[in-house]
Amino acid sequence: MEIRIKYCASWNYQPRAAGLADEIKQNTGIVPTLEPGSGGVYDISADGTLLYSKHKTGSFPDNNEILAKIRKFEKQKG
């Protein structure tokens, strides 16, 4: 599975994205790809499917929330 974290570089979301990537790696063994973006973006996707978008929710996710979404996505994919 490919996990991608797209973060806003101009707002310095990189440390937050790197922390989430580390947590995902520790809990799943998957090494996420970090992708710089702009405009306040903070999106997490799995195999091209958007799991979380800061633009849609208005806030940053809790890391445990993202881990749960990844596990759920894995189960759905079989």
Protein backbone atom coordinates (compact mmCIF):
# COMPACT_ATOMS: atom_id res chain seq x y z
CA MET A 1 0.00 0.00 0.00
CA GLU A 2 1.19 3.49 -0.81
CA ILE A 3 0.53 6.19 1.78
CA ARG A 4 1.04 9.79 0.68
CA ILE A 5 1.04 12.82 2.96
CA LYS A 6 0.73 16.11 1.09
CA TYR A 7 1.55 19.08 3.31
CA CYS A 8 1.81 22.84 2.96
CA ALA A 9 5.50 23.78 2.81
CA SER A 10 4.87 27.53 3.07
CA TRP A 11 3.00 27.08 6.37
CA ASN A 12 5.75 24.72 7.63
CA TYR A 13 3.51 21.67 8.08
CA GLN A 14 6.51 19.46 7.25
CA PRO A 15 7.40 18.62 10.90
CA ARG A 16 3.81 17.54 11.55
CA ALA A 17 3.76 15.45 8.37
CA ALA A 18 7.11 13.85 9.25
CA GLY A 19 5.82 12.97 12.72
CA LEU A 20 2.74 11.31 11.25
CA ALA A 21 4.91 9.46 8.72
CA ASP A 22 7.09 8.12 11.56
CA GLU A 23 4.05 6.95 13.49
CA ILE A 24 2.59 5.23 10.42
CA LYS A 25 5.92 3.49 9.79
CA GLN A 26 6.21 2.32 13.42
CA ASN A 27 2.64 0.98 13.51
CA THR A 28 2.23 -0.47 10.02
CA GLY A 29 5.69 -0.89 8.53
CA ILE A 30 4.61 1.31 5.60
CA VAL A 31 6.94 4.20 4.76
CA PRO A 32 4.75 7.11 3.62
CA THR A 33 5.76 9.50 0.87
CA LEU A 34 5.90 13.15 1.91
CA GLU A 35 4.83 15.57 -0.81
CA PRO A 36 5.24 19.33 -0.38
CA GLY A 37 2.32 21.47 -1.48
CA SER A 38 0.87 24.91 -0.82
CA GLY A 39 -2.32 26.67 0.17
CA GLY A 40 -2.61 25.12 3.63
CA VAL A 41 -2.96 21.58 2.27
CA TYR A 42 -2.66 18.61 4.61
CA ASP A 43 -4.04 15.52 2.86
CA ILE A 44 -3.44 11.86 3.62
CA SER A 45 -4.18 9.28 0.94
CA ALA A 46 -3.80 5.51 0.57
CA ASP A 47 -3.35 4.06 -2.91
CA GLY A 48 -4.74 7.28 -4.38
CA THR A 49 -7.84 7.31 -2.17
CA LEU A 50 -8.16 10.41 0.03
CA LEU A 51 -8.43 9.36 3.67
CA TYR A 52 -8.23 12.80 5.28
CA SER A 53 -8.24 16.42 4.13
CA LYS A 54 -7.63 19.39 6.40
CA HIS A 55 -9.50 21.56 3.88
CA LYS A 56 -12.65 19.45 4.36
CA THR A 57 -12.50 19.25 8.16
CA GLY A 58 -10.89 22.57 9.04
CA SER A 59 -8.44 20.96 11.46
CA PHE A 60 -5.48 18.66 11.66
CA PRO A 61 -6.16 14.97 12.32
CA ASP A 62 -5.16 13.04 15.39
CA ASN A 63 -2.46 10.50 14.45
CA ASN A 64 -4.54 7.66 15.94
CA GLU A 65 -7.46 8.72 13.73
CA ILE A 66 -5.25 8.35 10.65
CA LEU A 67 -3.93 4.97 11.77
CA ALA A 68 -7.52 3.76 12.21
CA LYS A 69 -8.44 5.02 8.72
CA ILE A 70 -5.43 3.20 7.24
CA ARG A 71 -6.38 -0.06 8.99
CA LYS A 72 -9.97 0.27 7.81
CA PHE A 73 -8.82 0.94 4.25
CA GLU A 74 -6.55 -2.14 4.37
CA LYS A 75 -9.46 -4.34 5.49
CA GLN A 76 -11.72 -3.00 2.75
CA LYS A 77 -9.09 -3.71 0.10
CA GLY A 78 -8.81 -7.27 1.39
